[in-house]
């Protein structure tokens, strides 16, 4: 495999494994051996469903504004903010009026996200 295949662009919609998480939420997934990246696009005012999974998750807001709902708390986030979600903690995201784009990092990779599909494939 050429190392050029290991390079990607966050704005290139043709890259990654496509997954529709919920109405108004789509992601492109980039699985690796020890970690996985997911570029999530959320339509204005759209929200995911509360879910959890055993993998640790880090997130960073790349564009827009949102509210991160995690462990029973609602925390407003803006461009450049990032957070950690320990495994087993229920969470979701609600986009602001302009929508948002989020970079999620999972470790270890989520097996359910190694293929295109639908839904969060949550543990809860």
N, C-alpha and C. Protein backbone atom coordinates (compact mmCIF):
# COMPACT_ATOMS: atom_id res chain seq x y z
N UNK A 1 0.84 -1.18 0.00
CA UNK A 1 0.00 0.00 0.00
C UNK A 1 0.88 1.24 0.00
N UNK A 2 0.55 2.18 -0.84
CA UNK A 2 1.26 3.45 -0.89
C UNK A 2 0.93 4.28 0.34
N UNK A 3 1.91 4.98 0.87
CA UNK A 3 1.66 5.85 2.02
C UNK A 3 0.73 7.00 1.67
N UNK A 4 0.59 7.34 0.40
CA UNK A 4 -0.35 8.38 -0.02
C UNK A 4 -1.78 8.02 0.38
N UNK A 5 -2.08 6.71 0.51
CA UNK A 5 -3.41 6.27 0.92
C UNK A 5 -3.69 6.55 2.39
N UNK A 6 -2.66 6.91 3.15
CA UNK A 6 -2.80 7.22 4.58
C UNK A 6 -3.09 8.70 4.81
N UNK A 7 -3.21 9.50 3.76
CA UNK A 7 -3.45 10.94 3.87
C UNK A 7 -4.88 11.27 3.46
N UNK A 8 -5.53 12.16 4.22
CA UNK A 8 -6.93 12.49 3.99
C UNK A 8 -7.13 13.98 4.21
N UNK A 9 -8.31 14.47 3.81
CA UNK A 9 -8.66 15.87 4.02
C UNK A 9 -10.01 15.95 4.70
N UNK A 10 -10.10 16.72 5.77
CA UNK A 10 -11.32 16.81 6.57
C UNK A 10 -12.50 17.35 5.77
N UNK A 11 -12.24 18.12 4.72
CA UNK A 11 -13.32 18.72 3.93
C UNK A 11 -13.69 17.93 2.67
N UNK A 12 -12.97 16.85 2.38
CA UNK A 12 -13.25 16.05 1.18
C UNK A 12 -14.34 15.04 1.47
N UNK A 13 -15.56 15.34 1.03
CA UNK A 13 -16.73 14.51 1.31
C UNK A 13 -16.66 13.12 0.66
N UNK A 14 -15.74 12.92 -0.28
CA UNK A 14 -15.65 11.63 -0.96
C UNK A 14 -14.79 10.63 -0.18
N UNK A 15 -14.11 11.09 0.86
CA UNK A 15 -13.21 10.22 1.61
C UNK A 15 -13.90 9.62 2.84
N UNK A 16 -13.42 8.48 3.28
CA UNK A 16 -13.92 7.83 4.49
C UNK A 16 -15.12 6.95 4.22
N UNK A 17 -15.52 6.23 5.26
CA UNK A 17 -16.71 5.38 5.21
C UNK A 17 -17.90 6.21 5.66
N UNK A 18 -18.91 6.32 4.81
CA UNK A 18 -20.07 7.14 5.13
C UNK A 18 -21.02 6.40 6.06
N UNK A 19 -21.56 7.15 7.02
CA UNK A 19 -22.54 6.58 7.95
C UNK A 19 -23.55 7.66 8.31
N UNK A 20 -24.84 7.34 8.22
CA UNK A 20 -25.89 8.26 8.67
C UNK A 20 -26.21 7.89 10.10
N UNK A 21 -25.89 8.79 11.03
CA UNK A 21 -26.09 8.49 12.45
C UNK A 21 -27.53 8.70 12.89
N UNK A 22 -28.17 9.75 12.39
CA UNK A 22 -29.55 10.10 12.73
C UNK A 22 -29.98 11.15 11.70
N UNK A 23 -31.26 11.51 11.67
CA UNK A 23 -31.67 12.58 10.75
C UNK A 23 -30.86 13.86 11.00
N UNK A 24 -30.21 14.35 9.94
CA UNK A 24 -29.39 15.57 10.06
C UNK A 24 -27.98 15.34 10.58
N UNK A 25 -27.60 14.11 10.85
CA UNK A 25 -26.25 13.79 11.34
C UNK A 25 -25.62 12.75 10.43
N UNK A 26 -24.51 13.12 9.79
CA UNK A 26 -23.76 12.17 8.96
C UNK A 26 -22.31 12.19 9.41
N UNK A 27 -21.62 11.12 9.10
CA UNK A 27 -20.20 11.05 9.44
C UNK A 27 -19.43 10.34 8.36
N UNK A 28 -18.15 10.65 8.33
CA UNK A 28 -17.19 9.94 7.49
C UNK A 28 -16.15 9.36 8.44
N UNK A 29 -15.93 8.06 8.37
CA UNK A 29 -15.11 7.35 9.34
C UNK A 29 -13.80 6.91 8.71
N UNK A 30 -12.73 7.07 9.49
CA UNK A 30 -11.38 6.71 9.05
C UNK A 30 -10.79 5.76 10.10
N UNK A 31 -10.96 4.44 9.91
CA UNK A 31 -10.49 3.48 10.90
C UNK A 31 -9.00 3.19 10.78
N UNK A 32 -8.36 3.07 11.92
CA UNK A 32 -6.96 2.67 11.98
C UNK A 32 -6.84 1.43 12.83
N UNK A 33 -5.62 1.04 13.15
CA UNK A 33 -5.40 -0.15 13.97
C UNK A 33 -5.67 0.11 15.44
N UNK A 34 -5.26 1.27 15.96
CA UNK A 34 -5.36 1.57 17.39
C UNK A 34 -6.32 2.72 17.71
N UNK A 35 -6.70 3.48 16.70
CA UNK A 35 -7.61 4.62 16.89
C UNK A 35 -8.44 4.79 15.62
N UNK A 36 -9.49 5.59 15.74
CA UNK A 36 -10.41 5.82 14.63
C UNK A 36 -10.85 7.28 14.68
N UNK A 37 -10.87 7.93 13.51
CA UNK A 37 -11.38 9.29 13.41
C UNK A 37 -12.73 9.26 12.72
N UNK A 38 -13.59 10.20 13.13
CA UNK A 38 -14.91 10.34 12.55
C UNK A 38 -15.17 11.83 12.39
N UNK A 39 -15.50 12.26 11.17
CA UNK A 39 -15.82 13.66 10.89
C UNK A 39 -17.34 13.75 10.77
N UNK A 40 -17.97 14.34 11.79
CA UNK A 40 -19.42 14.39 11.89
C UNK A 40 -19.94 15.76 11.46
N UNK A 41 -20.93 15.76 10.58
CA UNK A 41 -21.60 16.99 10.17
C UNK A 41 -23.02 16.95 10.72
N UNK A 42 -23.40 18.02 11.44
CA UNK A 42 -24.72 18.10 12.06
C UNK A 42 -25.45 19.31 11.50
N UNK A 43 -26.64 19.09 10.98
CA UNK A 43 -27.46 20.16 10.41
C UNK A 43 -27.91 21.13 11.51
N UNK A 44 -28.26 22.36 11.13
CA UNK A 44 -28.72 23.33 12.13
C UNK A 44 -29.82 22.76 13.03
N UNK A 45 -29.61 22.90 14.33
CA UNK A 45 -30.55 22.49 15.39
C UNK A 45 -30.78 20.98 15.46
N UNK A 46 -30.11 20.19 14.66
CA UNK A 46 -30.28 18.73 14.72
C UNK A 46 -29.53 18.19 15.94
N UNK A 47 -29.97 17.04 16.42
CA UNK A 47 -29.35 16.42 17.59
C UNK A 47 -29.33 14.91 17.42
N UNK A 48 -28.34 14.30 18.01
CA UNK A 48 -28.25 12.86 18.03
C UNK A 48 -29.08 12.31 19.18
N UNK A 49 -29.09 11.00 19.30
CA UNK A 49 -29.77 10.36 20.43
C UNK A 49 -28.73 10.06 21.50
N UNK A 50 -29.18 10.05 22.75
CA UNK A 50 -28.27 9.71 23.84
C UNK A 50 -27.79 8.27 23.64
N UNK A 51 -26.51 8.06 23.81
CA UNK A 51 -25.94 6.73 23.63
C UNK A 51 -24.63 6.63 24.41
N UNK A 52 -24.12 5.44 24.53
CA UNK A 52 -22.81 5.23 25.12
C UNK A 52 -22.16 4.04 24.44
N UNK A 53 -20.87 3.90 24.66
CA UNK A 53 -20.10 2.79 24.11
C UNK A 53 -18.88 2.62 24.99
N UNK A 54 -18.25 1.46 24.97
CA UNK A 54 -17.11 1.23 25.87
C UNK A 54 -15.84 1.98 25.48
N UNK A 55 -15.73 2.42 24.24
CA UNK A 55 -14.51 3.08 23.78
C UNK A 55 -14.44 4.52 24.31
N UNK A 56 -13.22 4.96 24.63
CA UNK A 56 -12.99 6.36 24.97
C UNK A 56 -13.17 7.19 23.70
N UNK A 57 -13.72 8.40 23.85
CA UNK A 57 -13.95 9.27 22.71
C UNK A 57 -13.47 10.68 23.03
N UNK A 58 -12.71 11.25 22.12
CA UNK A 58 -12.34 12.67 22.19
C UNK A 58 -13.05 13.37 21.06
N UNK A 59 -13.48 14.60 21.26
CA UNK A 59 -14.14 15.36 20.22
C UNK A 59 -13.60 16.78 20.16
N UNK A 60 -13.66 17.38 18.97
CA UNK A 60 -13.26 18.78 18.78
C UNK A 60 -14.21 19.43 17.80
N UNK A 61 -14.73 20.60 18.18
CA UNK A 61 -15.63 21.33 17.29
C UNK A 61 -14.80 22.08 16.26
N UNK A 62 -14.97 21.70 14.99
CA UNK A 62 -14.21 22.30 13.89
C UNK A 62 -14.90 23.54 13.33
N UNK A 63 -16.23 23.52 13.31
CA UNK A 63 -17.02 24.62 12.73
C UNK A 63 -18.33 24.74 13.48
N UNK A 64 -18.88 25.95 13.51
CA UNK A 64 -20.21 26.17 14.05
C UNK A 64 -20.24 26.26 15.56
N UNK A 65 -21.41 25.96 16.11
CA UNK A 65 -21.60 25.96 17.56
C UNK A 65 -22.50 24.79 17.91
N UNK A 66 -22.44 24.37 19.17
CA UNK A 66 -23.22 23.21 19.59
C UNK A 66 -23.32 23.16 21.11
N UNK A 67 -24.14 22.25 21.56
CA UNK A 67 -24.23 21.91 22.98
C UNK A 67 -23.87 20.44 23.09
N UNK A 68 -22.87 20.14 23.91
CA UNK A 68 -22.47 18.76 24.19
C UNK A 68 -23.24 18.32 25.42
N UNK A 69 -23.97 17.24 25.29
CA UNK A 69 -24.72 16.69 26.41
C UNK A 69 -23.99 15.43 26.82
N UNK A 70 -23.49 15.43 28.04
CA UNK A 70 -22.59 14.35 28.46
C UNK A 70 -22.73 14.14 29.97
N UNK A 71 -23.00 12.90 30.35
CA UNK A 71 -23.09 12.59 31.77
C UNK A 71 -24.14 13.41 32.51
N UNK A 72 -25.24 13.76 31.82
CA UNK A 72 -26.30 14.51 32.44
C UNK A 72 -26.11 16.02 32.44
N UNK A 73 -25.01 16.53 31.88
CA UNK A 73 -24.76 17.97 31.81
C UNK A 73 -24.83 18.45 30.37
N UNK A 74 -25.27 19.71 30.20
CA UNK A 74 -25.27 20.36 28.89
C UNK A 74 -24.21 21.45 28.90
N UNK A 75 -23.25 21.35 27.98
CA UNK A 75 -22.12 22.27 27.95
C UNK A 75 -22.01 22.87 26.55
N UNK A 76 -22.13 24.20 26.45
CA UNK A 76 -22.00 24.89 25.17
C UNK A 76 -20.55 24.82 24.71
N UNK A 77 -20.36 24.54 23.41
CA UNK A 77 -19.02 24.48 22.84
C UNK A 77 -18.95 25.32 21.57
N UNK A 78 -17.79 25.90 21.32
CA UNK A 78 -17.54 26.71 20.14
C UNK A 78 -16.34 26.18 19.38
N UNK A 79 -16.10 26.76 18.23
CA UNK A 79 -14.99 26.35 17.37
C UNK A 79 -13.70 26.29 18.16
N UNK A 80 -13.01 25.16 18.06
CA UNK A 80 -11.73 24.97 18.74
C UNK A 80 -11.85 24.29 20.09
N UNK A 81 -13.04 24.23 20.67
CA UNK A 81 -13.21 23.52 21.94
C UNK A 81 -13.08 22.02 21.71
N UNK A 82 -12.48 21.33 22.68
CA UNK A 82 -12.43 19.87 22.59
C UNK A 82 -12.68 19.26 23.95
N UNK A 83 -13.05 17.97 23.96
CA UNK A 83 -13.49 17.31 25.19
C UNK A 83 -13.18 15.83 25.11
N UNK A 84 -13.23 15.19 26.29
CA UNK A 84 -13.04 13.75 26.40
C UNK A 84 -14.30 13.14 26.98
N UNK A 85 -14.72 12.02 26.41
CA UNK A 85 -15.86 11.27 26.91
C UNK A 85 -15.35 9.88 27.29
N UNK A 86 -15.29 9.58 28.59
CA UNK A 86 -14.85 8.24 28.99
C UNK A 86 -15.83 7.18 28.48
N UNK A 87 -15.35 5.97 28.29
CA UNK A 87 -16.22 4.87 27.90
C UNK A 87 -17.35 4.70 28.90
N UNK A 88 -18.54 4.36 28.40
CA UNK A 88 -19.68 4.10 29.26
C UNK A 88 -20.49 5.31 29.67
N UNK A 89 -20.04 6.52 29.32
CA UNK A 89 -20.76 7.74 29.68
C UNK A 89 -21.76 8.08 28.57
N UNK A 90 -23.03 8.28 28.92
CA UNK A 90 -24.03 8.65 27.92
C UNK A 90 -23.76 10.06 27.42
N UNK A 91 -23.95 10.25 26.10
CA UNK A 91 -23.66 11.54 25.49
C UNK A 91 -24.38 11.70 24.16
N UNK A 92 -24.43 12.95 23.70
CA UNK A 92 -24.91 13.30 22.37
C UNK A 92 -24.50 14.74 22.09
N UNK A 93 -24.92 15.26 20.95
CA UNK A 93 -24.57 16.62 20.54
C UNK A 93 -25.79 17.25 19.88
N UNK A 94 -25.99 18.54 20.13
CA UNK A 94 -27.06 19.31 19.48
C UNK A 94 -26.42 20.52 18.82
N UNK A 95 -26.62 20.66 17.52
CA UNK A 95 -25.99 21.76 16.78
C UNK A 95 -26.71 23.07 17.03
N UNK A 96 -25.96 24.16 16.88
CA UNK A 96 -26.52 25.50 16.97
C UNK A 96 -27.21 25.88 15.67
N UNK A 97 -27.57 27.16 15.54
CA UNK A 97 -28.37 27.61 14.39
C UNK A 97 -27.65 27.50 13.04
N UNK A 98 -26.32 27.45 13.03
CA UNK A 98 -25.59 27.33 11.77
C UNK A 98 -25.11 25.90 11.51
N UNK A 99 -25.48 24.97 12.38
CA UNK A 99 -24.99 23.61 12.26
C UNK A 99 -23.56 23.52 12.78
N UNK A 100 -22.93 22.37 12.61
CA UNK A 100 -21.55 22.24 13.08
C UNK A 100 -20.87 21.04 12.43
N UNK A 101 -19.55 21.04 12.58
CA UNK A 101 -18.72 19.91 12.15
C UNK A 101 -17.82 19.54 13.32
N UNK A 102 -17.78 18.25 13.64
CA UNK A 102 -17.04 17.74 14.80
C UNK A 102 -16.06 16.67 14.35
N UNK A 103 -14.87 16.71 14.90
CA UNK A 103 -13.90 15.63 14.72
C UNK A 103 -13.93 14.77 15.97
N UNK A 104 -14.29 13.51 15.84
CA UNK A 104 -14.27 12.56 16.96
C UNK A 104 -13.12 11.59 16.76
N UNK A 105 -12.49 11.23 17.88
CA UNK A 105 -11.41 10.25 17.87
C UNK A 105 -11.78 9.17 18.88
N UNK A 106 -11.77 7.91 18.43
CA UNK A 106 -12.11 6.78 19.29
C UNK A 106 -10.87 5.92 19.51
N UNK A 107 -10.70 5.46 20.74
CA UNK A 107 -9.64 4.50 21.04
C UNK A 107 -10.16 3.53 22.09
N UNK A 108 -10.09 2.25 21.81
CA UNK A 108 -9.74 1.67 20.51
C UNK A 108 -10.83 1.95 19.48
N UNK A 109 -10.58 1.59 18.21
CA UNK A 109 -11.60 1.80 17.18
C UNK A 109 -12.91 1.08 17.53
N UNK A 110 -14.02 1.65 17.13
CA UNK A 110 -15.33 1.03 17.33
C UNK A 110 -15.56 0.03 16.20
N UNK A 111 -15.69 -1.23 16.54
CA UNK A 111 -15.88 -2.28 15.52
C UNK A 111 -17.10 -2.00 14.65
N UNK A 112 -18.19 -1.51 15.23
CA UNK A 112 -19.41 -1.26 14.47
C UNK A 112 -19.21 -0.18 13.41
N UNK A 113 -18.20 0.67 13.58
CA UNK A 113 -17.94 1.76 12.64
C UNK A 113 -16.91 1.39 11.57
N UNK A 114 -16.50 0.16 11.50
CA UNK A 114 -15.53 -0.25 10.48
C UNK A 114 -16.17 -0.46 9.12
N UNK A 115 -17.49 -0.24 9.05
CA UNK A 115 -18.19 -0.37 7.76
C UNK A 115 -19.26 0.72 7.69
N UNK A 116 -19.61 1.07 6.46
CA UNK A 116 -20.68 2.06 6.25
C UNK A 116 -21.98 1.49 6.81
N UNK A 117 -22.90 2.39 7.16
CA UNK A 117 -24.17 1.93 7.69
C UNK A 117 -24.99 3.07 8.25
N UNK A 118 -25.87 2.73 9.19
CA UNK A 118 -26.75 3.71 9.81
C UNK A 118 -26.72 3.53 11.32
N UNK A 119 -26.99 4.61 12.04
CA UNK A 119 -27.14 4.57 13.48
C UNK A 119 -25.83 4.69 14.24
N UNK A 120 -25.99 4.88 15.56
CA UNK A 120 -24.84 5.06 16.43
C UNK A 120 -24.21 3.73 16.86
N UNK A 121 -24.92 2.63 16.68
CA UNK A 121 -24.43 1.32 17.12
C UNK A 121 -24.01 1.40 18.58
N UNK A 122 -24.90 1.92 19.41
CA UNK A 122 -24.56 2.20 20.81
C UNK A 122 -24.70 0.97 21.69
N UNK A 123 -24.03 1.05 22.83
CA UNK A 123 -24.11 -0.03 23.82
C UNK A 123 -25.36 0.10 24.67
N UNK A 124 -25.96 1.32 24.73
CA UNK A 124 -27.17 1.52 25.54
C UNK A 124 -28.36 1.76 24.65
